[in-house]
Amino acid sequence: MWIKCSEQLPPYEEGLRVLIHTAEHDFAGKKFFDVKAIDLYPLSHPDETMNEVCEVATHWCERPYLAL
């Protein structure tokens, strides 16, 4: 299920990866990306720059796992 980034961000866990959707922006024709969940959080240091793809993400969801 896709969740709006404006309503809730994924858990802040090291190593957790999520899928994101950039509804209003595309990057070389792509609008879906696999990213680290912590990259969706605002940066704590003002000199750092946020990943451009994560900055414009509108929705996220957990990565699906294959059943064995």
N, C-alpha and C. Protein backbone atom coordinates (compact mmCIF):
# COMPACT_ATOMS: atom_id res chain seq x y z
N MET A 1 0.84 -1.17 0.00
CA MET A 1 0.00 0.00 0.00
C MET A 1 0.90 1.25 0.00
N TRP A 2 0.62 2.18 -0.85
CA TRP A 2 1.37 3.42 -0.95
C TRP A 2 0.89 4.41 0.12
N ILE A 3 1.85 5.05 0.78
CA ILE A 3 1.57 6.00 1.86
C ILE A 3 2.12 7.37 1.45
N LYS A 4 1.33 8.42 1.66
CA LYS A 4 1.79 9.78 1.33
C LYS A 4 2.92 10.18 2.27
N CYS A 5 4.00 10.70 1.71
CA CYS A 5 5.13 11.16 2.52
C CYS A 5 4.71 12.30 3.44
N SER A 6 3.73 13.09 3.02
CA SER A 6 3.26 14.21 3.84
C SER A 6 2.48 13.73 5.06
N GLU A 7 2.00 12.49 5.04
CA GLU A 7 1.23 11.96 6.17
C GLU A 7 2.08 11.12 7.12
N GLN A 8 3.03 10.37 6.56
CA GLN A 8 3.85 9.49 7.40
C GLN A 8 5.10 9.07 6.63
N LEU A 9 6.24 9.10 7.30
CA LEU A 9 7.47 8.59 6.72
C LEU A 9 7.72 7.18 7.22
N PRO A 10 8.52 6.41 6.50
CA PRO A 10 8.81 5.04 6.96
C PRO A 10 9.62 5.07 8.26
N PRO A 11 9.70 3.94 8.95
CA PRO A 11 10.51 3.89 10.18
C PRO A 11 11.95 4.31 9.89
N TYR A 12 12.53 5.03 10.83
CA TYR A 12 13.91 5.49 10.69
C TYR A 12 14.82 4.36 11.16
N GLU A 13 15.12 3.45 10.25
CA GLU A 13 15.94 2.28 10.59
C GLU A 13 17.10 2.15 9.61
N GLU A 14 18.27 1.94 10.15
CA GLU A 14 19.45 1.73 9.32
C GLU A 14 19.27 0.45 8.51
N GLY A 15 19.50 0.52 7.22
CA GLY A 15 19.41 -0.66 6.36
C GLY A 15 18.03 -0.90 5.76
N LEU A 16 16.98 -0.25 6.26
CA LEU A 16 15.64 -0.44 5.70
C LEU A 16 15.55 0.26 4.36
N ARG A 17 15.05 -0.43 3.36
CA ARG A 17 14.88 0.15 2.02
C ARG A 17 13.40 0.16 1.68
N VAL A 18 12.98 1.19 0.97
CA VAL A 18 11.58 1.33 0.57
C VAL A 18 11.51 1.75 -0.90
N LEU A 19 10.35 1.61 -1.47
CA LEU A 19 10.10 2.12 -2.82
C LEU A 19 9.47 3.49 -2.69
N ILE A 20 9.88 4.41 -3.56
CA ILE A 20 9.26 5.74 -3.55
C ILE A 20 8.74 6.07 -4.94
N HIS A 21 7.75 6.97 -4.95
CA HIS A 21 7.15 7.44 -6.20
C HIS A 21 7.29 8.96 -6.23
N THR A 22 7.71 9.48 -7.37
CA THR A 22 7.84 10.93 -7.54
C THR A 22 6.79 11.36 -8.56
N ALA A 23 5.58 11.57 -8.11
CA ALA A 23 4.43 11.81 -8.98
C ALA A 23 4.60 13.01 -9.90
N GLU A 24 5.12 14.11 -9.40
CA GLU A 24 5.19 15.34 -10.18
C GLU A 24 6.51 15.49 -10.94
N HIS A 25 7.47 14.62 -10.69
CA HIS A 25 8.79 14.73 -11.31
C HIS A 25 9.19 13.39 -11.90
N ASP A 26 9.96 13.44 -12.97
CA ASP A 26 10.54 12.20 -13.47
C ASP A 26 12.02 12.42 -13.71
N PHE A 27 12.78 11.37 -13.61
CA PHE A 27 14.22 11.41 -13.77
C PHE A 27 14.57 10.45 -14.89
N ALA A 28 14.84 11.01 -16.06
CA ALA A 28 15.12 10.22 -17.27
C ALA A 28 13.96 9.24 -17.53
N GLY A 29 12.72 9.72 -17.30
CA GLY A 29 11.53 8.92 -17.55
C GLY A 29 11.12 8.02 -16.40
N LYS A 30 11.90 7.98 -15.32
CA LYS A 30 11.60 7.11 -14.17
C LYS A 30 10.90 7.89 -13.07
N LYS A 31 9.92 7.24 -12.42
CA LYS A 31 9.20 7.85 -11.31
C LYS A 31 9.15 6.95 -10.08
N PHE A 32 9.72 5.76 -10.16
CA PHE A 32 9.74 4.81 -9.05
C PHE A 32 11.19 4.47 -8.73
N PHE A 33 11.54 4.48 -7.42
CA PHE A 33 12.92 4.26 -7.02
C PHE A 33 12.99 3.44 -5.74
N ASP A 34 14.07 2.68 -5.60
CA ASP A 34 14.38 1.90 -4.41
C ASP A 34 15.43 2.69 -3.64
N VAL A 35 15.10 3.16 -2.44
CA VAL A 35 16.01 4.02 -1.67
C VAL A 35 16.08 3.58 -0.21
N LYS A 36 17.09 4.09 0.51
CA LYS A 36 17.17 3.87 1.95
C LYS A 36 16.11 4.74 2.63
N ALA A 37 15.40 4.16 3.58
CA ALA A 37 14.33 4.89 4.27
C ALA A 37 14.85 6.15 4.95
N ILE A 38 16.05 6.10 5.52
CA ILE A 38 16.56 7.27 6.23
C ILE A 38 16.85 8.44 5.30
N ASP A 39 16.97 8.17 3.99
CA ASP A 39 17.19 9.27 3.04
C ASP A 39 15.95 10.14 2.84
N LEU A 40 14.80 9.69 3.32
CA LEU A 40 13.57 10.49 3.20
C LEU A 40 13.43 11.50 4.33
N TYR A 41 14.28 11.40 5.35
CA TYR A 41 14.19 12.30 6.50
C TYR A 41 15.01 13.56 6.26
N PRO A 42 14.55 14.69 6.80
CA PRO A 42 15.30 15.94 6.67
C PRO A 42 16.70 15.79 7.25
N LEU A 43 17.64 16.47 6.67
CA LEU A 43 19.02 16.39 7.13
C LEU A 43 19.22 17.21 8.39
N SER A 44 20.08 16.72 9.25
CA SER A 44 20.32 17.43 10.51
C SER A 44 21.40 18.49 10.39
N HIS A 45 22.24 18.39 9.37
CA HIS A 45 23.32 19.35 9.19
C HIS A 45 23.01 20.25 8.00
N PRO A 46 23.01 21.56 8.17
CA PRO A 46 22.60 22.48 7.09
C PRO A 46 23.52 22.46 5.87
N ASP A 47 24.75 21.98 6.00
CA ASP A 47 25.67 21.94 4.87
C ASP A 47 25.45 20.73 3.96
N GLU A 48 24.66 19.77 4.40
CA GLU A 48 24.39 18.58 3.61
C GLU A 48 23.25 18.86 2.64
N THR A 49 23.25 18.16 1.52
CA THR A 49 22.15 18.29 0.56
C THR A 49 21.41 16.97 0.48
N MET A 50 20.10 17.07 0.44
CA MET A 50 19.25 15.89 0.37
C MET A 50 19.27 15.33 -1.06
N ASN A 51 19.19 14.02 -1.17
CA ASN A 51 19.10 13.36 -2.46
C ASN A 51 17.92 13.95 -3.22
N GLU A 52 18.13 14.40 -4.45
CA GLU A 52 17.09 15.09 -5.23
C GLU A 52 15.85 14.21 -5.43
N VAL A 53 16.06 12.93 -5.68
CA VAL A 53 14.93 12.02 -5.88
C VAL A 53 14.10 11.93 -4.60
N CYS A 54 14.76 11.78 -3.46
CA CYS A 54 14.05 11.68 -2.18
C CYS A 54 13.36 12.98 -1.81
N GLU A 55 13.95 14.08 -2.20
CA GLU A 55 13.39 15.39 -1.88
C GLU A 55 12.02 15.61 -2.53
N VAL A 56 11.79 15.03 -3.69
CA VAL A 56 10.52 15.23 -4.40
C VAL A 56 9.58 14.01 -4.31
N ALA A 57 9.94 13.05 -3.48
CA ALA A 57 9.08 11.86 -3.32
C ALA A 57 7.73 12.27 -2.76
N THR A 58 6.67 11.69 -3.32
CA THR A 58 5.31 11.99 -2.85
C THR A 58 4.71 10.82 -2.07
N HIS A 59 5.13 9.61 -2.40
CA HIS A 59 4.59 8.41 -1.76
C HIS A 59 5.71 7.40 -1.52
N TRP A 60 5.51 6.49 -0.56
CA TRP A 60 6.45 5.42 -0.33
C TRP A 60 5.68 4.15 0.04
N CYS A 61 6.33 3.00 -0.10
CA CYS A 61 5.76 1.73 0.37
C CYS A 61 6.90 0.78 0.68
N GLU A 62 6.59 -0.23 1.50
CA GLU A 62 7.59 -1.23 1.82
C GLU A 62 7.92 -2.02 0.56
N ARG A 63 9.16 -2.47 0.49
CA ARG A 63 9.56 -3.30 -0.65
C ARG A 63 8.87 -4.65 -0.54
N PRO A 64 8.32 -5.13 -1.63
CA PRO A 64 7.71 -6.47 -1.58
C PRO A 64 8.80 -7.53 -1.47
N TYR A 65 8.51 -8.58 -0.77
CA TYR A 65 9.45 -9.68 -0.62
C TYR A 65 8.89 -10.90 -1.31
N LEU A 66 9.76 -11.65 -1.95
CA LEU A 66 9.34 -12.88 -2.61
C LEU A 66 9.10 -13.97 -1.60
N ALA A 67 8.02 -14.66 -1.72
CA ALA A 67 7.74 -15.80 -0.86
C ALA A 67 8.50 -17.01 -1.41
N LEU A 68 9.16 -17.70 -0.52
CA LEU A 68 9.92 -18.90 -0.94
C LEU A 68 9.11 -20.14 -0.77
